[in-house]
Amino acid sequence: MKELLLKNKTIAVVDDEPDIVELVSLHLRRAGFEVEGFYSGGDFLSFLQRKIPDLVVLDLMLPDIDGLEVCKYLRSNERYRSIAIIMLTAKAEEEDRIVGLELGADDYVVKPFSPKELVARAKAVLRRGIPQNGEGGVWIGGILYVDFSRYEASLKGKRVELTPTEFRILKILSGRKGWVFSRGQLLDLLWGNEKAVTERTIDVHIKKLREKLGEAGSFIKSVRGVGYKLEEE
């Protein structure tokens, strides 16, 4: 069922290299996605006025607008926050990855890359946003409600804007309160065999998740030398 739901998803590919846009678009279309290609950040932002994609594969080094600025804009705009983001860049340093993830990217792919791997990771990111049939939700500390079926979290009745990856982490932790998940376990649950990220990635997402949850962020406990758990105070 999830694979069928993915067929209706639209992916925007933003890169100033036409060959890369063409290559990525070709493989994504073969996988059943609808694809729109753009060679500049400005063209992509103009497109958003007409249609909102489910995922954007975003190059960081664009000719007009820095890719990080585009990412920041999407995450700060209520209309576009639900768009999943995979950053595609030649910047391979860990700090560059961390900056991207802290700004709200869901994944980070370094050039040169395998088109097949990129397609697999696009599927993995989009699957996280598909609700499971029959799932309900859970209250945490009487103030935070995690709605598994709608893929939403609300704090004292007000929706908390989370990226797909942030919500997935919250869902995993809240689904088994008090259970300690190692960073490796969280990586496996989030990316499975498609992962190509380090355990530091989990720390970055947890940090952003706590910030967005405000007073409820304290429910996410660090277990020294192991990982994380969710525990009501």
C-alpha atoms as a PDB file:
ATOM      1  CA  MET A   1       0.000   0.000   0.000  1.00  0.00           C
ATOM      2  CA  LYS A   2       2.759   2.462   0.865  1.00  0.00           C
ATOM      3  CA  GLU A   3       4.437   1.933  -2.527  1.00  0.00           C
ATOM      4  CA  LEU A   4       1.146   2.701  -4.272  1.00  0.00           C
ATOM      5  CA  LEU A   5       0.747   5.904  -2.271  1.00  0.00           C
ATOM      6  CA  LEU A   6       4.250   6.989  -3.272  1.00  0.00           C
ATOM      7  CA  LYS A   7       3.286   6.875  -6.951  1.00  0.00           C
ATOM      8  CA  ASN A   8       1.223  10.051  -6.532  1.00  0.00           C
ATOM      9  CA  LYS A   9       4.022  12.057  -4.948  1.00  0.00           C
ATOM     10  CA  THR A  10       5.615  15.061  -6.651  1.00  0.00           C
ATOM     11  CA  ILE A  11       9.352  15.680  -6.317  1.00  0.00           C
ATOM     12  CA  ALA A  12      11.118  18.918  -7.264  1.00  0.00           C
ATOM     13  CA  VAL A  13      14.764  18.653  -8.303  1.00  0.00           C
ATOM     14  CA  VAL A  14      16.729  21.902  -7.903  1.00  0.00           C
ATOM     15  CA  ASP A  15      20.296  21.984  -9.250  1.00  0.00           C
ATOM     16  CA  ASP A  16      22.217  24.402 -11.473  1.00  0.00           C
ATOM     17  CA  GLU A  17      23.708  21.511 -13.470  1.00  0.00           C
ATOM     18  CA  PRO A  18      21.241  20.453 -16.207  1.00  0.00           C
ATOM     19  CA  ASP A  19      22.850  17.016 -16.512  1.00  0.00           C
ATOM     20  CA  ILE A  20      22.192  16.286 -12.844  1.00  0.00           C
ATOM     21  CA  VAL A  21      18.614  17.541 -13.016  1.00  0.00           C
ATOM     22  CA  GLU A  22      18.031  15.337 -16.066  1.00  0.00           C
ATOM     23  CA  LEU A  23      19.700  12.278 -14.507  1.00  0.00           C
ATOM     24  CA  VAL A  24      17.883  12.521 -11.169  1.00  0.00           C
ATOM     25  CA  SER A  25      14.558  13.289 -12.852  1.00  0.00           C
ATOM     26  CA  LEU A  26      14.915  10.279 -15.158  1.00  0.00           C
ATOM     27  CA  HIS A  27      15.456   7.830 -12.295  1.00  0.00           C
ATOM     28  CA  LEU A  28      12.716   9.337 -10.138  1.00  0.00           C
ATOM     29  CA  ARG A  29      10.213   9.133 -13.017  1.00  0.00           C
ATOM     30  CA  ARG A  30      11.181   5.524 -13.606  1.00  0.00           C
ATOM     31  CA  ALA A  31      10.339   4.919  -9.938  1.00  0.00           C
ATOM     32  CA  GLY A  32       6.845   6.296 -10.569  1.00  0.00           C
ATOM     33  CA  PHE A  33       7.173   9.825  -9.208  1.00  0.00           C
ATOM     34  CA  GLU A  34       5.985  13.037 -10.806  1.00  0.00           C
ATOM     35  CA  VAL A  35       9.066  15.247 -11.213  1.00  0.00           C
ATOM     36  CA  GLU A  36       9.639  18.964 -11.794  1.00  0.00           C
ATOM     37  CA  GLY A  37      13.156  20.215 -12.553  1.00  0.00           C
ATOM     38  CA  PHE A  38      14.641  23.642 -11.819  1.00  0.00           C
ATOM     39  CA  TYR A  39      18.074  25.187 -12.415  1.00  0.00           C
ATOM     40  CA  SER A  40      17.837  27.993  -9.846  1.00  0.00           C
ATOM     41  CA  GLY A  41      16.359  28.659  -6.451  1.00  0.00           C
ATOM     42  CA  GLY A  42      14.293  31.515  -7.805  1.00  0.00           C
ATOM     43  CA  ASP A  43      12.562  29.338 -10.393  1.00  0.00           C
ATOM     44  CA  PHE A  44      11.753  26.776  -7.704  1.00  0.00           C
ATOM     45  CA  LEU A  45      10.322  29.395  -5.336  1.00  0.00           C
ATOM     46  CA  SER A  46       8.158  30.747  -8.172  1.00  0.00           C
ATOM     47  CA  PHE A  47       6.891  27.212  -8.814  1.00  0.00           C
ATOM     48  CA  LEU A  48       5.780  26.975  -5.177  1.00  0.00           C
ATOM     49  CA  GLN A  49       3.162  29.609  -5.899  1.00  0.00           C
ATOM     50  CA  ARG A  50       1.515  27.172  -8.328  1.00  0.00           C
ATOM     51  CA  LYS A  51       2.105  23.808  -6.684  1.00  0.00           C
ATOM     52  CA  ILE A  52       3.593  22.428  -3.458  1.00  0.00           C
ATOM     53  CA  PRO A  53       5.718  19.287  -3.973  1.00  0.00           C
ATOM     54  CA  ASP A  54       5.967  16.478  -1.439  1.00  0.00           C
ATOM     55  CA  LEU A  55       9.767  16.437  -1.569  1.00  0.00           C
ATOM     56  CA  VAL A  56      12.545  18.657  -2.905  1.00  0.00           C
ATOM     57  CA  VAL A  57      16.004  17.388  -3.850  1.00  0.00           C
ATOM     58  CA  LEU A  58      17.937  20.587  -3.231  1.00  0.00           C
ATOM     59  CA  ASP A  59      21.463  21.482  -4.325  1.00  0.00           C
ATOM     60  CA  LEU A  60      23.238  23.763  -1.847  1.00  0.00           C
ATOM     61  CA  MET A  61      25.375  25.676  -4.368  1.00  0.00           C
ATOM     62  CA  LEU A  62      22.820  27.444  -6.547  1.00  0.00           C
ATOM     63  CA  PRO A  63      23.642  30.447  -8.779  1.00  0.00           C
ATOM     64  CA  ASP A  64      21.117  32.872  -7.300  1.00  0.00           C
ATOM     65  CA  ILE A  65      20.016  31.762  -3.823  1.00  0.00           C
ATOM     66  CA  ASP A  66      22.061  29.642  -1.424  1.00  0.00           C
ATOM     67  CA  GLY A  67      20.421  26.237  -0.957  1.00  0.00           C
ATOM     68  CA  LEU A  68      20.618  26.631   2.802  1.00  0.00           C
ATOM     69  CA  GLU A  69      18.597  29.828   2.519  1.00  0.00           C
ATOM     70  CA  VAL A  70      15.970  28.004   0.470  1.00  0.00           C
ATOM     71  CA  CYS A  71      15.833  25.286   3.145  1.00  0.00           C
ATOM     72  CA  LYS A  72      15.530  27.900   5.892  1.00  0.00           C
ATOM     73  CA  TYR A  73      12.715  29.613   3.985  1.00  0.00           C
ATOM     74  CA  LEU A  74      10.748  26.388   3.556  1.00  0.00           C
ATOM     75  CA  ARG A  75      11.023  25.501   7.227  1.00  0.00           C
ATOM     76  CA  SER A  76      10.059  28.999   8.401  1.00  0.00           C
ATOM     77  CA  ASN A  77       6.975  29.245   6.178  1.00  0.00           C
ATOM     78  CA  GLU A  78       3.858  27.530   7.536  1.00  0.00           C
ATOM     79  CA  ARG A  79       2.620  26.760   4.026  1.00  0.00           C
ATOM     80  CA  TYR A  80       5.767  24.849   3.069  1.00  0.00           C
ATOM     81  CA  ARG A  81       6.950  23.237   6.304  1.00  0.00           C
ATOM     82  CA  SER A  82       5.579  19.823   5.387  1.00  0.00           C
ATOM     83  CA  ILE A  83       7.784  19.567   2.279  1.00  0.00           C
ATOM     84  CA  ALA A  84      10.442  16.914   2.828  1.00  0.00           C
ATOM     85  CA  ILE A  85      13.985  18.018   1.935  1.00  0.00           C
ATOM     86  CA  ILE A  86      16.958  16.005   0.693  1.00  0.00           C
ATOM     87  CA  MET A  87      20.057  18.123   0.282  1.00  0.00           C
ATOM     88  CA  LEU A  88      22.267  17.211  -2.670  1.00  0.00           C
ATOM     89  CA  THR A  89      25.733  18.745  -2.584  1.00  0.00           C
ATOM     90  CA  ALA A  90      29.439  18.389  -3.222  1.00  0.00           C
ATOM     91  CA  LYS A  91      30.133  19.567   0.340  1.00  0.00           C
ATOM     92  CA  ALA A  92      31.105  16.387   2.156  1.00  0.00           C
ATOM     93  CA  GLU A  93      32.384  17.745   5.481  1.00  0.00           C
ATOM     94  CA  GLU A  94      30.477  16.604   8.561  1.00  0.00           C
ATOM     95  CA  GLU A  95      29.901  20.202   9.678  1.00  0.00           C
ATOM     96  CA  ASP A  96      28.188  20.976   6.367  1.00  0.00           C
ATOM     97  CA  ARG A  97      25.876  18.013   6.949  1.00  0.00           C
ATOM     98  CA  ILE A  98      25.148  19.158  10.479  1.00  0.00           C
ATOM     99  CA  VAL A  99      24.242  22.683   9.343  1.00  0.00           C
ATOM    100  CA  GLY A 100      21.866  21.271   6.757  1.00  0.00           C
ATOM    101  CA  LEU A 101      20.200  18.962   9.221  1.00  0.00           C
ATOM    102  CA  GLU A 102      19.902  21.686  11.835  1.00  0.00           C
ATOM    103  CA  LEU A 103      18.061  23.828   9.300  1.00  0.00           C
ATOM    104  CA  GLY A 104      15.529  21.045   8.893  1.00  0.00           C
ATOM    105  CA  ALA A 105      16.726  18.819   6.044  1.00  0.00           C
ATOM    106  CA  ASP A 106      15.492  15.228   6.269  1.00  0.00           C
ATOM    107  CA  ASP A 107      18.488  13.681   4.522  1.00  0.00           C
ATOM    108  CA  TYR A 108      21.795  14.659   2.940  1.00  0.00           C
ATOM    109  CA  VAL A 109      23.351  13.126  -0.198  1.00  0.00           C
ATOM    110  CA  VAL A 110      26.909  13.947  -1.258  1.00  0.00           C
ATOM    111  CA  LYS A 111      28.073  14.217  -4.882  1.00  0.00           C
ATOM    112  CA  PRO A 112      29.139  12.088  -6.674  1.00  0.00           C
ATOM    113  CA  PHE A 113      26.154   9.910  -5.851  1.00  0.00           C
ATOM    114  CA  SER A 114      24.314   6.832  -7.021  1.00  0.00           C
ATOM    115  CA  PRO A 115      20.966   7.730  -8.660  1.00  0.00           C
ATOM    116  CA  LYS A 116      19.525   4.442  -7.406  1.00  0.00           C
ATOM    117  CA  GLU A 117      20.564   5.266  -3.846  1.00  0.00           C
ATOM    118  CA  LEU A 118      19.000   8.717  -4.166  1.00  0.00           C
ATOM    119  CA  VAL A 119      15.714   7.168  -5.322  1.00  0.00           C
ATOM    120  CA  ALA A 120      15.807   4.730  -2.389  1.00  0.00           C
ATOM    121  CA  ARG A 121      16.395   7.542   0.067  1.00  0.00           C
ATOM    122  CA  ALA A 122      13.632   9.638  -1.472  1.00  0.00           C
ATOM    123  CA  LYS A 123      11.265   6.709  -0.954  1.00  0.00           C
ATOM    124  CA  ALA A 124      12.464   6.297   2.632  1.00  0.00           C
ATOM    125  CA  VAL A 125      11.870   9.983   3.451  1.00  0.00           C
ATOM    126  CA  LEU A 126       8.415   9.988   1.864  1.00  0.00           C
ATOM    127  CA  ARG A 127       7.354   6.730   3.554  1.00  0.00           C
ATOM    128  CA  ARG A 128       7.830   8.401   6.932  1.00  0.00           C
ATOM    129  CA  GLY A 129       5.015  10.784   6.071  1.00  0.00           C
ATOM    130  CA  ILE A 130       2.461   8.052   5.282  1.00  0.00           C
ATOM    131  CA  PRO A 131       0.225   7.207   8.254  1.00  0.00           C
ATOM    132  CA  GLN A 132      -0.295   3.600   9.274  1.00  0.00           C
ATOM    133  CA  ASN A 133      -3.889   2.335   9.106  1.00  0.00           C
ATOM    134  CA  GLY A 134      -5.563   1.929  12.473  1.00  0.00           C
ATOM    135  CA  GLU A 135      -3.018   3.938  14.416  1.00  0.00           C
ATOM    136  CA  GLY A 136      -4.269   6.301  17.080  1.00  0.00           C
ATOM    137  CA  GLY A 137      -2.181   8.522  19.263  1.00  0.00           C
ATOM    138  CA  VAL A 138      -0.692   8.987  22.702  1.00  0.00           C
ATOM    139  CA  TRP A 139      -0.681  11.686  25.394  1.00  0.00           C
ATOM    140  CA  ILE A 140       2.599  12.593  27.036  1.00  0.00           C
ATOM    141  CA  GLY A 141       2.680  14.417  30.335  1.00  0.00           C
ATOM    142  CA  GLY A 142      -0.862  15.660  29.815  1.00  0.00           C
ATOM    143  CA  ILE A 143       0.339  18.464  27.526  1.00  0.00           C
ATOM    144  CA  LEU A 144       1.729  16.813  24.391  1.00  0.00           C
ATOM    145  CA  TYR A 145      -0.409  14.717  22.054  1.00  0.00           C
ATOM    146  CA  VAL A 146       1.228  12.643  19.327  1.00  0.00           C
ATOM    147  CA  ASP A 147      -1.315  11.730  16.658  1.00  0.00           C
ATOM    148  CA  PHE A 148       0.053   8.704  14.812  1.00  0.00           C
ATOM    149  CA  SER A 149      -2.757   8.583  12.258  1.00  0.00           C
ATOM    150  CA  ARG A 150      -2.515  12.237  11.213  1.00  0.00           C
ATOM    151  CA  TYR A 151       1.256  12.467  11.633  1.00  0.00           C
ATOM    152  CA  GLU A 152       0.889  15.509  13.871  1.00  0.00           C
ATOM    153  CA  ALA A 153       1.976  16.596  17.325  1.00  0.00           C
ATOM    154  CA  SER A 154       0.245  19.244  19.395  1.00  0.00           C
ATOM    155  CA  LEU A 155       1.364  20.992  22.570  1.00  0.00           C
ATOM    156  CA  LYS A 156      -1.494  22.236  24.756  1.00  0.00           C
ATOM    157  CA  GLY A 157      -3.766  22.132  21.732  1.00  0.00           C
ATOM    158  CA  LYS A 158      -1.409  24.003  19.405  1.00  0.00           C
ATOM    159  CA  ARG A 159       0.162  22.123  16.517  1.00  0.00           C
ATOM    160  CA  VAL A 160       3.931  21.718  16.609  1.00  0.00           C
ATOM    161  CA  GLU A 161       5.497  22.018  13.153  1.00  0.00           C
ATOM    162  CA  LEU A 162       7.852  19.064  12.746  1.00  0.00           C
ATOM    163  CA  THR A 163       9.754  17.723   9.766  1.00  0.00           C
ATOM    164  CA  PRO A 164       8.921  14.128   8.718  1.00  0.00           C
ATOM    165  CA  THR A 165      12.115  12.861  10.338  1.00  0.00           C
ATOM    166  CA  GLU A 166      11.503  14.739  13.590  1.00  0.00           C
ATOM    167  CA  PHE A 167       7.984  13.355  13.829  1.00  0.00           C
ATOM    168  CA  ARG A 168       9.199   9.845  13.089  1.00  0.00           C
ATOM    169  CA  ILE A 169      11.687  10.045  15.954  1.00  0.00           C
ATOM    170  CA  LEU A 170       8.986  11.348  18.303  1.00  0.00           C
ATOM    171  CA  LYS A 171       6.669   8.575  17.186  1.00  0.00           C
ATOM    172  CA  ILE A 172       9.296   5.893  17.844  1.00  0.00           C
ATOM    173  CA  LEU A 173      10.111   7.214  21.315  1.00  0.00           C
ATOM    174  CA  SER A 174       6.508   7.864  22.365  1.00  0.00           C
ATOM    175  CA  GLY A 175       5.369   4.484  21.061  1.00  0.00           C
ATOM    176  CA  ARG A 176       7.416   2.818  23.803  1.00  0.00           C
ATOM    177  CA  LYS A 177       7.649   5.201  26.742  1.00  0.00           C
ATOM    178  CA  GLY A 178      10.579   4.524  29.017  1.00  0.00           C
ATOM    179  CA  TRP A 179      12.280   2.265  26.483  1.00  0.00           C
ATOM    180  CA  VAL A 180      15.881   3.243  25.732  1.00  0.00           C
ATOM    181  CA  PHE A 181      16.727   3.380  22.036  1.00  0.00           C
ATOM    182  CA  SER A 182      20.374   3.454  21.053  1.00  0.00           C
ATOM    183  CA  ARG A 183      21.446   5.810  18.285  1.00  0.00           C
ATOM    184  CA  GLY A 184      22.111   2.786  16.098  1.00  0.00           C
ATOM    185  CA  GLN A 185      18.597   1.452  16.669  1.00  0.00           C
ATOM    186  CA  LEU A 186      17.084   4.817  15.775  1.00  0.00           C
ATOM    187  CA  LEU A 187      19.170   4.958  12.601  1.00  0.00           C
ATOM    188  CA  ASP A 188      17.973   1.483  11.614  1.00  0.00           C
ATOM    189  CA  LEU A 189      14.333   2.350  12.303  1.00  0.00           C
ATOM    190  CA  LEU A 190      14.570   5.600  10.357  1.00  0.00           C
ATOM    191  CA  TRP A 191      16.689   4.625   7.391  1.00  0.00           C
ATOM    192  CA  GLY A 192      17.071   0.835   7.489  1.00  0.00           C
ATOM    193  CA  ASN A 193      19.452  -0.516   4.876  1.00  0.00           C
ATOM    194  CA  GLU A 194      19.183   2.759   2.975  1.00  0.00           C
ATOM    195  CA  LYS A 195      21.002   4.777   5.598  1.00  0.00           C
ATOM    196  CA  ALA A 196      24.292   6.462   4.808  1.00  0.00           C
ATOM    197  CA  VAL A 197      24.468   8.761   7.796  1.00  0.00           C
ATOM    198  CA  THR A 198      26.276   8.811  11.121  1.00  0.00           C
ATOM    199  CA  GLU A 199      24.935   8.518  14.655  1.00  0.00           C
ATOM    200  CA  ARG A 200      25.657  12.244  15.073  1.00  0.00           C
ATOM    201  CA  THR A 201      22.704  12.810  12.768  1.00  0.00           C
ATOM    202  CA  ILE A 202      20.362  11.490  15.471  1.00  0.00           C
ATOM    203  CA  ASP A 203      21.765  13.973  17.996  1.00  0.00           C
ATOM    204  CA  VAL A 204      21.088  16.857  15.617  1.00  0.00           C
ATOM    205  CA  HIS A 205      17.478  15.806  15.011  1.00  0.00           C
ATOM    206  CA  ILE A 206      16.891  15.262  18.746  1.00  0.00           C
ATOM    207  CA  LYS A 207      18.263  18.739  19.491  1.00  0.00           C
ATOM    208  CA  LYS A 208      15.881  20.355  16.987  1.00  0.00           C
ATOM    209  CA  LEU A 209      12.976  18.208  18.186  1.00  0.00           C
ATOM    210  CA  ARG A 210      13.473  19.267  21.802  1.00  0.00           C
ATOM    211  CA  GLU A 211      13.614  22.925  20.786  1.00  0.00           C
ATOM    212  CA  LYS A 212      10.356  22.696  18.849  1.00  0.00           C
ATOM    213  CA  LEU A 213       8.576  20.831  21.653  1.00  0.00           C
ATOM    214  CA  GLY A 214       9.358  23.612  24.109  1.00  0.00           C
ATOM    215  CA  GLU A 215       8.500  22.610  27.662  1.00  0.00           C
ATOM    216  CA  ALA A 216       7.629  19.099  26.440  1.00  0.00           C
ATOM    217  CA  GLY A 217      11.165  18.708  25.096  1.00  0.00           C
ATOM    218  CA  SER A 218      12.300  17.711  28.579  1.00  0.00           C
ATOM    219  CA  PHE A 219      10.363  14.457  28.210  1.00  0.00           C
ATOM    220  CA  ILE A 220      13.077  13.258  25.805  1.00  0.00           C
ATOM    221  CA  LYS A 221      15.872  12.018  28.039  1.00  0.00           C
ATOM    222  CA  SER A 222      19.483  11.382  27.089  1.00  0.00           C
ATOM    223  CA  VAL A 223      20.889   8.107  28.365  1.00  0.00           C
ATOM    224  CA  ARG A 224      24.628   8.658  28.674  1.00  0.00           C
ATOM    225  CA  GLY A 225      26.665   6.479  26.369  1.00  0.00           C
ATOM    226  CA  VAL A 226      23.582   4.753  24.943  1.00  0.00           C
ATOM    227  CA  GLY A 227      20.932   6.893  23.302  1.00  0.00           C
ATOM    228  CA  TYR A 228      17.507   8.339  24.118  1.00  0.00           C
ATOM    229  CA  LYS A 229      14.175   7.557  25.737  1.00  0.00           C
ATOM    230  CA  LEU A 230      10.890   9.342  26.288  1.00  0.00           C
ATOM    231  CA  GLU A 231       9.770   9.512  29.890  1.00  0.00           C
ATOM    232  CA  GLU A 232       7.011  11.525  31.531  1.00  0.00           C
ATOM    233  CA  GLU A 233       8.141  13.582  34.505  1.00  0.00           C
END
